[in-house]
Amino acid sequence: METTMYDTLLQLPLFQGLCKDDLTTIIEKVKLHFLNYEAGETFIRKGEKCDKFVFLLSGTIKLEAEEPTYTLSETIEEPGVIEPQSLFGIQTIYTANYLTIAPSKLLTIDKSFVLQELMNYEIFRLNYLNILSSRIQMANQKLWNARIGTMREKFINFIQARCQKPRGEKVLRITMKDLAFLTNEPTLKVSQLLNGLQKEGLIQLSRKEIYIPAFEKLL
């Protein structure tokens, strides 16, 4: 196996810790599908069946979570796996839309190969369990924090509970009235908070849209 392929797989959290011999065996037995996308292409739609692992190897993608009263989008640049929790369970479907905002390279591995080959490696199984456990623990913490604290804390918790990464660029499309309802606060108080955050340079407001250039600065 070429060193570049070895290094590429080791960037991905599910393969970290595997030795070169194991990775070589995986390459020989598992079908890896490499896909290249130009900017502006949607490669996963909400509600589609999740029957494979999809990895972002390079480039920049946008996640769009659509709900009846709002849409939250975030930018993802670092290598990683997309919705690993959706591959198994009662509903094996994607929960958001994913599209490229820069030329991107993806890798997919069918579920059948995950079960037949990859699950034979203890390190792979542990990596997968650690990812799932971390997401469950984070979701539990977010649930408890969802509607407590100051108005500022409620707003931050609202975003944090609905995004995958606690950093980077976020865009929330929502009316002031709906945000007030979802955070259980008066509309005037929500307006005052958002205008204050804009003065601090932490967000940018436009009609029915809140742009957050770096969410980690809000935290």
N, C-alpha and C. Protein backbone atom coordinates (compact mmCIF):
# COMPACT_ATOMS: atom_id res chain seq x y z
N MET A 1 0.85 -1.20 0.00
CA MET A 1 0.00 0.00 0.00
C MET A 1 0.88 1.25 0.00
N GLU A 2 0.54 2.22 -0.80
CA GLU A 2 1.31 3.44 -0.87
C GLU A 2 1.24 4.20 0.44
N THR A 3 2.35 4.88 0.74
CA THR A 3 2.40 5.65 1.99
C THR A 3 1.30 6.70 2.03
N THR A 4 0.98 7.30 0.87
CA THR A 4 -0.04 8.34 0.85
C THR A 4 -1.41 7.77 1.26
N MET A 5 -1.72 6.56 0.79
CA MET A 5 -2.98 5.93 1.17
C MET A 5 -3.00 5.62 2.67
N TYR A 6 -1.90 5.12 3.19
CA TYR A 6 -1.76 4.82 4.61
C TYR A 6 -2.00 6.08 5.43
N ASP A 7 -1.34 7.16 5.04
CA ASP A 7 -1.49 8.43 5.77
C ASP A 7 -2.91 8.97 5.68
N THR A 8 -3.53 8.79 4.51
CA THR A 8 -4.90 9.26 4.32
C THR A 8 -5.87 8.57 5.28
N LEU A 9 -5.76 7.25 5.37
CA LEU A 9 -6.66 6.50 6.25
C LEU A 9 -6.40 6.83 7.72
N LEU A 10 -5.16 7.07 8.08
CA LEU A 10 -4.83 7.38 9.47
C LEU A 10 -5.35 8.75 9.90
N GLN A 11 -5.71 9.60 8.93
CA GLN A 11 -6.33 10.88 9.28
C GLN A 11 -7.74 10.67 9.85
N LEU A 12 -8.35 9.54 9.50
CA LEU A 12 -9.74 9.29 9.87
C LEU A 12 -9.82 8.63 11.24
N PRO A 13 -10.69 9.15 12.11
CA PRO A 13 -10.73 8.66 13.49
C PRO A 13 -11.00 7.17 13.64
N LEU A 14 -11.74 6.56 12.72
CA LEU A 14 -12.05 5.14 12.84
C LEU A 14 -10.84 4.24 12.58
N PHE A 15 -9.83 4.75 11.90
CA PHE A 15 -8.67 3.94 11.56
C PHE A 15 -7.44 4.26 12.40
N GLN A 16 -7.53 5.26 13.25
CA GLN A 16 -6.37 5.65 14.05
C GLN A 16 -5.98 4.54 15.02
N GLY A 17 -4.69 4.21 15.04
CA GLY A 17 -4.20 3.15 15.92
C GLY A 17 -3.97 1.84 15.22
N LEU A 18 -4.51 1.67 14.01
CA LEU A 18 -4.27 0.44 13.25
C LEU A 18 -2.85 0.45 12.68
N CYS A 19 -2.22 -0.71 12.67
CA CYS A 19 -0.86 -0.79 12.14
C CYS A 19 -0.91 -0.87 10.61
N LYS A 20 0.25 -0.68 10.00
CA LYS A 20 0.31 -0.64 8.54
C LYS A 20 -0.10 -1.97 7.93
N ASP A 21 0.25 -3.09 8.58
CA ASP A 21 -0.11 -4.42 8.06
C ASP A 21 -1.64 -4.59 8.03
N ASP A 22 -2.31 -4.14 9.11
CA ASP A 22 -3.77 -4.24 9.16
C ASP A 22 -4.41 -3.38 8.07
N LEU A 23 -3.88 -2.18 7.90
CA LEU A 23 -4.43 -1.30 6.87
C LEU A 23 -4.22 -1.89 5.46
N THR A 24 -3.07 -2.51 5.27
CA THR A 24 -2.80 -3.15 3.98
C THR A 24 -3.82 -4.26 3.71
N THR A 25 -4.11 -5.06 4.74
CA THR A 25 -5.10 -6.14 4.60
C THR A 25 -6.48 -5.58 4.31
N ILE A 26 -6.82 -4.48 4.98
CA ILE A 26 -8.12 -3.84 4.76
C ILE A 26 -8.25 -3.37 3.31
N ILE A 27 -7.19 -2.76 2.79
CA ILE A 27 -7.21 -2.27 1.41
C ILE A 27 -7.43 -3.43 0.43
N GLU A 28 -6.85 -4.59 0.76
CA GLU A 28 -6.96 -5.74 -0.13
C GLU A 28 -8.36 -6.37 -0.10
N LYS A 29 -9.06 -6.27 1.04
CA LYS A 29 -10.34 -6.96 1.20
C LYS A 29 -11.56 -6.04 1.08
N VAL A 30 -11.37 -4.78 1.39
CA VAL A 30 -12.51 -3.85 1.44
C VAL A 30 -12.51 -2.94 0.22
N LYS A 31 -13.67 -2.79 -0.39
CA LYS A 31 -13.79 -1.89 -1.53
C LYS A 31 -13.91 -0.45 -1.04
N LEU A 32 -12.94 0.36 -1.40
CA LEU A 32 -12.94 1.77 -1.05
C LEU A 32 -13.33 2.57 -2.29
N HIS A 33 -14.35 3.39 -2.15
CA HIS A 33 -14.81 4.21 -3.28
C HIS A 33 -14.41 5.67 -3.04
N PHE A 34 -13.55 6.20 -3.89
CA PHE A 34 -13.10 7.58 -3.78
C PHE A 34 -13.91 8.44 -4.75
N LEU A 35 -14.47 9.52 -4.25
CA LEU A 35 -15.34 10.39 -5.04
C LEU A 35 -14.84 11.83 -4.98
N ASN A 36 -14.86 12.49 -6.11
CA ASN A 36 -14.47 13.90 -6.19
C ASN A 36 -15.68 14.74 -6.57
N TYR A 37 -15.86 15.84 -5.84
CA TYR A 37 -16.98 16.74 -6.09
C TYR A 37 -16.47 18.16 -6.30
N GLU A 38 -17.14 18.86 -7.19
CA GLU A 38 -16.88 20.28 -7.36
C GLU A 38 -17.69 21.06 -6.32
N ALA A 39 -17.43 22.33 -6.19
CA ALA A 39 -18.18 23.16 -5.25
C ALA A 39 -19.65 23.25 -5.67
N GLY A 40 -20.55 23.23 -4.70
CA GLY A 40 -21.96 23.41 -4.97
C GLY A 40 -22.73 22.14 -5.25
N GLU A 41 -22.15 20.98 -5.00
CA GLU A 41 -22.83 19.71 -5.25
C GLU A 41 -23.37 19.12 -3.95
N THR A 42 -24.63 18.71 -3.97
CA THR A 42 -25.24 18.03 -2.83
C THR A 42 -25.00 16.53 -2.97
N PHE A 43 -24.33 15.93 -1.98
CA PHE A 43 -24.01 14.50 -2.08
C PHE A 43 -24.78 13.64 -1.08
N ILE A 44 -25.44 14.27 -0.11
CA ILE A 44 -26.34 13.56 0.80
C ILE A 44 -27.54 14.46 1.06
N ARG A 45 -28.75 13.87 1.03
CA ARG A 45 -29.96 14.61 1.34
C ARG A 45 -30.63 14.03 2.59
N LYS A 46 -31.20 14.91 3.38
CA LYS A 46 -31.90 14.49 4.59
C LYS A 46 -32.98 13.46 4.24
N GLY A 47 -33.01 12.38 5.03
CA GLY A 47 -34.00 11.34 4.79
C GLY A 47 -33.53 10.20 3.91
N GLU A 48 -32.39 10.38 3.24
CA GLU A 48 -31.84 9.30 2.42
C GLU A 48 -31.33 8.16 3.31
N LYS A 49 -31.40 6.95 2.80
CA LYS A 49 -30.94 5.79 3.56
C LYS A 49 -29.42 5.85 3.76
N CYS A 50 -28.99 5.58 4.98
CA CYS A 50 -27.56 5.52 5.29
C CYS A 50 -27.14 4.05 5.24
N ASP A 51 -26.45 3.66 4.20
CA ASP A 51 -26.02 2.28 4.04
C ASP A 51 -24.52 2.16 3.81
N LYS A 52 -23.80 3.20 4.20
CA LYS A 52 -22.35 3.21 4.02
C LYS A 52 -21.71 4.24 4.94
N PHE A 53 -20.44 4.07 5.23
CA PHE A 53 -19.66 5.12 5.88
C PHE A 53 -19.26 6.12 4.81
N VAL A 54 -19.42 7.40 5.08
CA VAL A 54 -18.96 8.45 4.18
C VAL A 54 -17.94 9.30 4.93
N PHE A 55 -16.73 9.38 4.38
CA PHE A 55 -15.65 10.14 5.01
C PHE A 55 -15.31 11.37 4.18
N LEU A 56 -15.11 12.49 4.84
CA LEU A 56 -14.55 13.66 4.19
C LEU A 56 -13.03 13.56 4.31
N LEU A 57 -12.34 13.49 3.17
CA LEU A 57 -10.88 13.40 3.17
C LEU A 57 -10.23 14.77 3.04
N SER A 58 -10.79 15.59 2.15
CA SER A 58 -10.25 16.93 1.96
C SER A 58 -11.33 17.82 1.35
N GLY A 59 -11.15 19.13 1.50
CA GLY A 59 -12.13 20.07 0.97
C GLY A 59 -12.97 20.68 2.07
N THR A 60 -14.08 21.29 1.68
CA THR A 60 -14.97 21.96 2.63
C THR A 60 -16.41 21.63 2.27
N ILE A 61 -17.17 21.20 3.27
CA ILE A 61 -18.58 20.87 3.06
C ILE A 61 -19.46 21.66 4.02
N LYS A 62 -20.73 21.72 3.67
CA LYS A 62 -21.70 22.40 4.53
C LYS A 62 -22.79 21.43 4.92
N LEU A 63 -23.11 21.42 6.20
CA LEU A 63 -24.22 20.63 6.74
C LEU A 63 -25.41 21.56 6.91
N GLU A 64 -26.58 21.15 6.44
CA GLU A 64 -27.79 21.95 6.59
C GLU A 64 -28.86 21.13 7.30
N ALA A 65 -29.18 21.51 8.52
CA ALA A 65 -30.24 20.85 9.29
C ALA A 65 -31.51 21.67 9.15
N GLU A 66 -32.52 21.11 8.50
CA GLU A 66 -33.76 21.84 8.23
C GLU A 66 -34.87 21.37 9.15
N GLU A 67 -35.51 22.33 9.80
CA GLU A 67 -36.68 22.06 10.64
C GLU A 67 -37.80 23.01 10.21
N PRO A 68 -39.03 22.78 10.65
CA PRO A 68 -40.14 23.63 10.19
C PRO A 68 -39.95 25.13 10.44
N THR A 69 -39.33 25.48 11.57
CA THR A 69 -39.23 26.91 11.91
C THR A 69 -37.83 27.50 11.75
N TYR A 70 -36.85 26.69 11.41
CA TYR A 70 -35.50 27.23 11.26
C TYR A 70 -34.64 26.28 10.43
N THR A 71 -33.52 26.83 9.95
CA THR A 71 -32.48 26.04 9.28
C THR A 71 -31.14 26.45 9.87
N LEU A 72 -30.36 25.46 10.29
CA LEU A 72 -29.03 25.73 10.83
C LEU A 72 -28.01 25.06 9.92
N SER A 73 -27.06 25.83 9.45
CA SER A 73 -26.00 25.27 8.62
C SER A 73 -24.65 25.52 9.27
N GLU A 74 -23.72 24.61 9.04
CA GLU A 74 -22.37 24.78 9.56
C GLU A 74 -21.36 24.27 8.55
N THR A 75 -20.17 24.82 8.63
CA THR A 75 -19.09 24.47 7.71
C THR A 75 -18.15 23.47 8.37
N ILE A 76 -17.80 22.42 7.61
CA ILE A 76 -16.90 21.38 8.11
C ILE A 76 -15.73 21.25 7.15
N GLU A 77 -14.51 21.32 7.69
CA GLU A 77 -13.32 21.26 6.86
C GLU A 77 -12.40 20.09 7.21
N GLU A 78 -12.37 19.69 8.48
CA GLU A 78 -11.41 18.67 8.88
C GLU A 78 -11.88 17.27 8.47
N PRO A 79 -10.93 16.37 8.18
CA PRO A 79 -11.29 14.99 7.81
C PRO A 79 -12.10 14.31 8.91
N GLY A 80 -13.06 13.50 8.52
CA GLY A 80 -13.87 12.80 9.50
C GLY A 80 -14.99 12.02 8.83
N VAL A 81 -15.77 11.33 9.65
CA VAL A 81 -16.87 10.51 9.16
C VAL A 81 -18.19 11.25 9.35
N ILE A 82 -19.09 11.12 8.39
CA ILE A 82 -20.37 11.83 8.41
C ILE A 82 -21.46 10.93 9.00
N GLU A 83 -22.06 11.40 10.08
CA GLU A 83 -23.16 10.70 10.76
C GLU A 83 -22.91 9.20 10.97
N PRO A 84 -21.86 8.84 11.68
CA PRO A 84 -21.61 7.42 11.93
C PRO A 84 -22.72 6.75 12.73
N GLN A 85 -23.48 7.55 13.49
CA GLN A 85 -24.58 7.01 14.30
C GLN A 85 -25.78 6.59 13.46
N SER A 86 -25.81 7.01 12.19
CA SER A 86 -26.97 6.72 11.34
C SER A 86 -26.85 5.39 10.60
N LEU A 87 -25.70 4.71 10.71
CA LEU A 87 -25.50 3.47 9.98
C LEU A 87 -26.27 2.30 10.60
N PHE A 88 -26.51 2.37 11.92
CA PHE A 88 -27.24 1.31 12.61
C PHE A 88 -28.37 1.93 13.44
N GLY A 89 -29.30 1.09 13.86
CA GLY A 89 -30.41 1.58 14.69
C GLY A 89 -31.75 1.39 14.02
N ILE A 90 -32.77 1.98 14.63
CA ILE A 90 -34.14 1.83 14.12
C ILE A 90 -34.31 2.60 12.81
N GLN A 91 -33.80 3.84 12.77
CA GLN A 91 -33.92 4.65 11.57
C GLN A 91 -32.54 4.90 10.98
N THR A 92 -32.20 4.17 9.94
CA THR A 92 -30.89 4.33 9.31
C THR A 92 -31.00 5.31 8.15
N ILE A 93 -31.27 6.56 8.50
CA ILE A 93 -31.38 7.62 7.50
C ILE A 93 -30.57 8.83 7.96
N TYR A 94 -30.16 9.65 7.00
CA TYR A 94 -29.42 10.86 7.31
C TYR A 94 -30.35 11.94 7.86
N THR A 95 -29.84 12.72 8.79
CA THR A 95 -30.67 13.72 9.46
C THR A 95 -30.46 15.13 8.93
N ALA A 96 -29.60 15.29 7.93
CA ALA A 96 -29.33 16.63 7.38
C ALA A 96 -28.91 16.52 5.93
N ASN A 97 -28.84 17.67 5.26
CA ASN A 97 -28.31 17.75 3.91
C ASN A 97 -26.82 18.07 3.97
N TYR A 98 -26.06 17.53 3.02
CA TYR A 98 -24.62 17.80 2.97
C TYR A 98 -24.26 18.19 1.54
N LEU A 99 -23.57 19.31 1.41
CA LEU A 99 -23.15 19.78 0.09
C LEU A 99 -21.75 20.37 0.17
N THR A 100 -21.08 20.39 -0.95
CA THR A 100 -19.72 20.92 -1.00
C THR A 100 -19.76 22.43 -1.21
N ILE A 101 -18.86 23.13 -0.56
CA ILE A 101 -18.72 24.57 -0.82
C ILE A 101 -17.32 24.87 -1.36
N ALA A 102 -16.53 23.83 -1.55
CA ALA A 102 -15.23 23.89 -2.22
C ALA A 102 -14.98 22.51 -2.80
N PRO A 103 -14.12 22.38 -3.80
CA PRO A 103 -13.81 21.04 -4.32
C PRO A 103 -13.41 20.11 -3.18
N SER A 104 -14.03 18.93 -3.13
CA SER A 104 -13.84 18.02 -2.00
C SER A 104 -13.65 16.59 -2.46
N LYS A 105 -12.92 15.84 -1.64
CA LYS A 105 -12.69 14.42 -1.92
C LYS A 105 -13.32 13.60 -0.80
N LEU A 106 -14.12 12.60 -1.16
CA LEU A 106 -14.81 11.76 -0.19
C LEU A 106 -14.42 10.30 -0.39
N LEU A 107 -14.57 9.54 0.67
CA LEU A 107 -14.36 8.09 0.63
C LEU A 107 -15.59 7.41 1.20
N THR A 108 -16.09 6.38 0.54
CA THR A 108 -17.23 5.63 1.06
C THR A 108 -16.87 4.16 1.19
N ILE A 109 -17.44 3.53 2.23
CA ILE A 109 -17.27 2.10 2.46
C ILE A 109 -18.65 1.53 2.75
N ASP A 110 -19.09 0.56 1.96
CA ASP A 110 -20.42 -0.02 2.11
C ASP A 110 -20.57 -0.72 3.46
N LYS A 111 -21.78 -0.71 3.98
CA LYS A 111 -22.09 -1.31 5.28
C LYS A 111 -21.71 -2.79 5.33
N SER A 112 -21.86 -3.50 4.23
CA SER A 112 -21.54 -4.94 4.20
C SER A 112 -20.07 -5.18 4.53
N PHE A 113 -19.18 -4.31 4.04
CA PHE A 113 -17.75 -4.46 4.32
C PHE A 113 -17.43 -4.05 5.76
N VAL A 114 -18.19 -3.10 6.29
CA VAL A 114 -18.01 -2.71 7.69
C VAL A 114 -18.28 -3.91 8.59
N LEU A 115 -19.38 -4.61 8.31
CA LEU A 115 -19.77 -5.76 9.13
C LEU A 115 -18.86 -6.97 8.92
N GLN A 116 -18.54 -7.26 7.66
CA GLN A 116 -17.80 -8.48 7.35
C GLN A 116 -16.31 -8.38 7.62
N GLU A 117 -15.74 -7.17 7.46
CA GLU A 117 -14.29 -7.04 7.57
C GLU A 117 -13.83 -6.10 8.68
N LEU A 118 -14.30 -4.87 8.66
CA LEU A 118 -13.76 -3.86 9.58
C LEU A 118 -14.06 -4.18 11.04
N MET A 119 -15.22 -4.76 11.31
CA MET A 119 -15.58 -5.08 12.69
C MET A 119 -14.72 -6.22 13.26
N ASN A 120 -13.91 -6.85 12.44
CA ASN A 120 -13.01 -7.90 12.93
C ASN A 120 -11.80 -7.32 13.66
N TYR A 121 -11.57 -6.01 13.50
CA TYR A 121 -10.42 -5.37 14.12
C TYR A 121 -10.85 -4.68 15.43
N GLU A 122 -10.23 -5.09 16.53
CA GLU A 122 -10.61 -4.55 17.84
C GLU A 122 -10.43 -3.04 17.90
N ILE A 123 -9.35 -2.53 17.35
CA ILE A 123 -9.10 -1.09 17.39
C ILE A 123 -10.18 -0.33 16.64
N PHE A 124 -10.60 -0.87 15.49
CA PHE A 124 -11.69 -0.23 14.74
C PHE A 124 -12.96 -0.22 15.56
N ARG A 125 -13.30 -1.35 16.20
CA ARG A 125 -14.50 -1.44 17.03
C ARG A 125 -14.45 -0.44 18.18
N LEU A 126 -13.29 -0.33 18.82
CA LEU A 126 -13.14 0.61 19.94
C LEU A 126 -13.26 2.05 19.46
N ASN A 127 -12.66 2.36 18.33
CA ASN A 127 -12.76 3.71 17.78
C ASN A 127 -14.22 4.07 17.49
N TYR A 128 -14.94 3.12 16.91
CA TYR A 128 -16.35 3.35 16.58
C TYR A 128 -17.18 3.54 17.85
N LEU A 129 -16.97 2.69 18.84
CA LEU A 129 -17.70 2.82 20.11
C LEU A 129 -17.37 4.13 20.81
N ASN A 130 -16.11 4.55 20.75
CA ASN A 130 -15.73 5.81 21.39
C ASN A 130 -16.41 7.00 20.72
N ILE A 131 -16.50 6.97 19.38
CA ILE A 131 -17.18 8.05 18.66
C ILE A 131 -18.65 8.10 19.04
N LEU A 132 -19.31 6.93 19.04
CA LEU A 132 -20.73 6.88 19.37
C LEU A 132 -20.98 7.29 20.82
N SER A 133 -20.14 6.82 21.75
CA SER A 133 -20.30 7.16 23.16
C SER A 133 -20.10 8.65 23.40
N SER A 134 -19.11 9.23 22.73
CA SER A 134 -18.86 10.67 22.88
C SER A 134 -20.04 11.49 22.40
N ARG A 135 -20.64 11.06 21.29
CA ARG A 135 -21.79 11.79 20.75
C ARG A 135 -23.01 11.66 21.66
N ILE A 136 -23.21 10.48 22.24
CA ILE A 136 -24.32 10.29 23.17
C ILE A 136 -24.12 11.15 24.42
N GLN A 137 -22.90 11.17 24.97
CA GLN A 137 -22.62 11.96 26.16
C GLN A 137 -22.79 13.45 25.90
N MET A 138 -22.33 13.90 24.74
CA MET A 138 -22.50 15.30 24.38
C MET A 138 -23.96 15.66 24.19
N ALA A 139 -24.72 14.76 23.55
CA ALA A 139 -26.15 15.01 23.34
C ALA A 139 -26.89 15.08 24.67
N ASN A 140 -26.51 14.23 25.61
CA ASN A 140 -27.14 14.24 26.93
C ASN A 140 -26.86 15.55 27.66
N GLN A 141 -25.62 16.01 27.58
CA GLN A 141 -25.25 17.27 28.22
C GLN A 141 -25.99 18.44 27.58
N LYS A 142 -26.08 18.43 26.26
CA LYS A 142 -26.79 19.49 25.55
C LYS A 142 -28.27 19.52 25.93
N LEU A 143 -28.86 18.34 26.10
CA LEU A 143 -30.27 18.25 26.46
C LEU A 143 -30.54 18.91 27.80
N TRP A 144 -29.68 18.67 28.77
CA TRP A 144 -29.87 19.26 30.10
C TRP A 144 -29.67 20.77 30.08
N ASN A 145 -28.80 21.26 29.19
CA ASN A 145 -28.49 22.69 29.15
C ASN A 145 -29.41 23.49 28.24
N ALA A 146 -30.31 22.81 27.53
CA ALA A 146 -31.04 23.43 26.42
C ALA A 146 -31.77 24.72 26.80
N ARG A 147 -32.48 24.77 27.93
CA ARG A 147 -33.32 25.93 28.23
C ARG A 147 -33.07 26.46 29.64
N ILE A 148 -31.81 26.46 30.06
CA ILE A 148 -31.46 27.00 31.37
C ILE A 148 -30.43 28.11 31.21
N GLY A 149 -30.29 28.92 32.25
CA GLY A 149 -29.29 29.98 32.24
C GLY A 149 -29.81 31.31 31.75
N THR A 150 -28.90 32.21 31.48
CA THR A 150 -29.24 33.54 30.98
C THR A 150 -29.69 33.44 29.52
N MET A 151 -30.20 34.55 29.00
CA MET A 151 -30.62 34.57 27.60
C MET A 151 -29.44 34.26 26.68
N ARG A 152 -28.28 34.79 27.01
CA ARG A 152 -27.08 34.51 26.20
C ARG A 152 -26.75 33.02 26.24
N GLU A 153 -26.81 32.43 27.43
CA GLU A 153 -26.52 31.00 27.56
C GLU A 153 -27.55 30.16 26.82
N LYS A 154 -28.81 30.56 26.87
CA LYS A 154 -29.85 29.83 26.16
C LYS A 154 -29.62 29.87 24.65
N PHE A 155 -29.22 31.02 24.15
CA PHE A 155 -28.96 31.15 22.71
C PHE A 155 -27.78 30.27 22.30
N ILE A 156 -26.71 30.31 23.08
CA ILE A 156 -25.54 29.48 22.79
C ILE A 156 -25.91 28.00 22.86
N ASN A 157 -26.67 27.63 23.88
CA ASN A 157 -27.07 26.23 24.03
C ASN A 157 -27.98 25.78 22.89
N PHE A 158 -28.83 26.70 22.42
CA PHE A 158 -29.72 26.39 21.30
C PHE A 158 -28.90 26.00 20.07
N ILE A 159 -27.85 26.79 19.77
CA ILE A 159 -27.00 26.49 18.62
C ILE A 159 -26.21 25.21 18.87
N GLN A 160 -25.62 25.12 20.04
CA GLN A 160 -24.73 24.00 20.34
C GLN A 160 -25.47 22.66 20.31
N ALA A 161 -26.74 22.66 20.74
CA ALA A 161 -27.52 21.42 20.77
C ALA A 161 -27.87 20.93 19.37
N ARG A 162 -27.73 21.79 18.37
CA ARG A 162 -28.17 21.44 17.02
C ARG A 162 -27.03 21.37 16.00
N CYS A 163 -25.80 21.55 16.44
CA CYS A 163 -24.68 21.48 15.51
C CYS A 163 -23.77 20.31 15.88
N GLN A 164 -22.96 19.88 14.94
CA GLN A 164 -22.08 18.75 15.17
C GLN A 164 -20.72 19.16 15.74
N LYS A 165 -20.27 20.35 15.38
CA LYS A 165 -18.97 20.81 15.84
C LYS A 165 -19.14 22.07 16.69
N PRO A 166 -18.50 22.13 17.87
CA PRO A 166 -18.64 23.31 18.74
C PRO A 166 -17.71 24.45 18.33
N ARG A 167 -17.46 24.58 17.06
CA ARG A 167 -16.58 25.63 16.56
C ARG A 167 -16.88 25.85 15.08
N GLY A 168 -16.28 26.90 14.55
CA GLY A 168 -16.42 27.17 13.13
C GLY A 168 -17.63 28.02 12.78
N GLU A 169 -17.86 28.14 11.49
CA GLU A 169 -18.91 29.01 10.94
C GLU A 169 -20.28 28.36 11.04
N LYS A 170 -21.27 29.13 11.52
CA LYS A 170 -22.66 28.66 11.60
C LYS A 170 -23.57 29.76 11.01
N VAL A 171 -24.67 29.31 10.41
CA VAL A 171 -25.69 30.24 9.92
C VAL A 171 -27.04 29.74 10.38
N LEU A 172 -27.75 30.55 11.15
CA LEU A 172 -29.08 30.19 11.64
C LEU A 172 -30.11 31.07 10.94
N ARG A 173 -31.02 30.43 10.19
CA ARG A 173 -32.10 31.14 9.53
C ARG A 173 -33.37 30.92 10.34
N ILE A 174 -33.85 32.00 10.97
CA ILE A 174 -34.98 31.88 11.88
C ILE A 174 -35.55 33.28 12.12
N THR A 175 -36.84 33.36 12.43
CA THR A 175 -37.43 34.64 12.78
C THR A 175 -37.17 34.91 14.26
N MET A 176 -37.19 36.17 14.63
CA MET A 176 -36.99 36.55 16.03
C MET A 176 -38.09 35.95 16.90
N LYS A 177 -39.30 35.91 16.37
CA LYS A 177 -40.44 35.36 17.11
C LYS A 177 -40.24 33.88 17.40
N ASP A 178 -39.78 33.12 16.41
CA ASP A 178 -39.57 31.69 16.60
C ASP A 178 -38.42 31.41 17.55
N LEU A 179 -37.35 32.20 17.46
CA LEU A 179 -36.23 32.02 18.37
C LEU A 179 -36.66 32.31 19.81
N ALA A 180 -37.48 33.33 19.98
CA ALA A 180 -37.99 33.65 21.32
C ALA A 180 -38.83 32.51 21.87
N PHE A 181 -39.67 31.93 21.03
CA PHE A 181 -40.51 30.81 21.46
C PHE A 181 -39.66 29.60 21.84
N LEU A 182 -38.66 29.28 21.02
CA LEU A 182 -37.85 28.09 21.24
C LEU A 182 -36.91 28.23 22.43
N THR A 183 -36.59 29.45 22.81
CA THR A 183 -35.74 29.66 23.99
C THR A 183 -36.55 30.09 25.22
N ASN A 184 -37.88 30.21 25.02
CA ASN A 184 -38.78 30.57 26.13
C ASN A 184 -38.41 31.92 26.74
N GLU A 185 -38.19 32.90 25.86
CA GLU A 185 -37.83 34.25 26.29
C GLU A 185 -38.65 35.28 25.50
N PRO A 186 -38.87 36.49 26.06
CA PRO A 186 -39.59 37.53 25.32
C PRO A 186 -38.83 37.95 24.07
N THR A 187 -39.57 38.30 23.03
CA THR A 187 -38.95 38.71 21.77
C THR A 187 -38.02 39.90 21.95
N LEU A 188 -38.42 40.86 22.78
CA LEU A 188 -37.59 42.04 23.02
C LEU A 188 -36.25 41.66 23.62
N LYS A 189 -36.27 40.71 24.55
CA LYS A 189 -35.03 40.28 25.20
C LYS A 189 -34.11 39.58 24.20
N VAL A 190 -34.69 38.79 23.32
CA VAL A 190 -33.90 38.13 22.27
C VAL A 190 -33.27 39.17 21.35
N SER A 191 -34.05 40.17 20.96
CA SER A 191 -33.56 41.23 20.08
C SER A 191 -32.40 41.99 20.73
N GLN A 192 -32.55 42.29 22.00
CA GLN A 192 -31.49 43.02 22.72
C GLN A 192 -30.21 42.19 22.78
N LEU A 193 -30.35 40.90 23.03
CA LEU A 193 -29.17 40.04 23.09
C LEU A 193 -28.46 40.00 21.75
N LEU A 194 -29.20 39.75 20.68
CA LEU A 194 -28.59 39.60 19.36
C LEU A 194 -27.91 40.90 18.91
N ASN A 195 -28.54 42.02 19.18
CA ASN A 195 -27.91 43.29 18.83
C ASN A 195 -26.65 43.53 19.64
N GLY A 196 -26.67 43.09 20.90
CA GLY A 196 -25.48 43.21 21.73
C GLY A 196 -24.34 42.34 21.22
N LEU A 197 -24.65 41.11 20.81
CA LEU A 197 -23.63 40.21 20.27
C LEU A 197 -23.07 40.75 18.96
N GLN A 198 -23.93 41.42 18.18
CA GLN A 198 -23.45 42.02 16.94
C GLN A 198 -22.49 43.16 17.22
N LYS A 199 -22.78 43.94 18.23
CA LYS A 199 -21.87 45.04 18.60
C LYS A 199 -20.53 44.52 19.08
N GLU A 200 -20.53 43.32 19.68
CA GLU A 200 -19.29 42.70 20.13
C GLU A 200 -18.51 42.07 18.97
N GLY A 201 -19.13 42.03 17.79
CA GLY A 201 -18.47 41.45 16.63
C GLY A 201 -18.53 39.93 16.59
N LEU A 202 -19.44 39.34 17.39
CA LEU A 202 -19.52 37.88 17.47
C LEU A 202 -20.51 37.29 16.46
N ILE A 203 -21.50 38.09 16.04
CA ILE A 203 -22.47 37.64 15.05
C ILE A 203 -22.75 38.78 14.08
N GLN A 204 -23.40 38.45 12.97
CA GLN A 204 -23.87 39.45 12.00
C GLN A 204 -25.32 39.16 11.71
N LEU A 205 -26.15 40.18 11.83
CA LEU A 205 -27.58 40.02 11.64
C LEU A 205 -28.03 40.53 10.28
N SER A 206 -28.93 39.78 9.66
CA SER A 206 -29.63 40.24 8.46
C SER A 206 -31.04 39.69 8.56
N ARG A 207 -31.87 39.95 7.57
CA ARG A 207 -33.27 39.56 7.65
C ARG A 207 -33.42 38.06 7.84
N LYS A 208 -34.00 37.65 8.96
CA LYS A 208 -34.26 36.25 9.31
C LYS A 208 -33.00 35.38 9.25
N GLU A 209 -31.84 35.99 9.51
CA GLU A 209 -30.60 35.21 9.45
C GLU A 209 -29.60 35.73 10.48
N ILE A 210 -28.94 34.78 11.15
CA ILE A 210 -27.89 35.09 12.12
C ILE A 210 -26.63 34.38 11.64
N TYR A 211 -25.62 35.16 11.29
CA TYR A 211 -24.36 34.58 10.83
C TYR A 211 -23.34 34.61 11.97
N ILE A 212 -22.77 33.44 12.28
CA ILE A 212 -21.78 33.32 13.35
C ILE A 212 -20.46 32.89 12.70
N PRO A 213 -19.50 33.78 12.55
CA PRO A 213 -18.26 33.43 11.84
C PRO A 213 -17.39 32.41 12.58
N ALA A 214 -17.41 32.46 13.92
CA ALA A 214 -16.59 31.51 14.71
C ALA A 214 -17.33 31.22 16.01
N PHE A 215 -18.03 30.09 16.04
CA PHE A 215 -18.89 29.77 17.18
C PHE A 215 -18.09 29.64 18.47
N GLU A 216 -16.84 29.18 18.38
CA GLU A 216 -16.02 29.01 19.58
C GLU A 216 -15.81 30.33 20.33
N LYS A 217 -15.87 31.46 19.61
CA LYS A 217 -15.70 32.76 20.28
C LYS A 217 -16.92 33.10 21.14
N LEU A 218 -18.08 32.59 20.78
CA LEU A 218 -19.27 32.77 21.62
C LEU A 218 -19.14 32.00 22.93
N LEU A 219 -18.47 30.85 22.87
CA LEU A 219 -18.33 30.02 24.05
C LEU A 219 -17.35 30.61 25.05
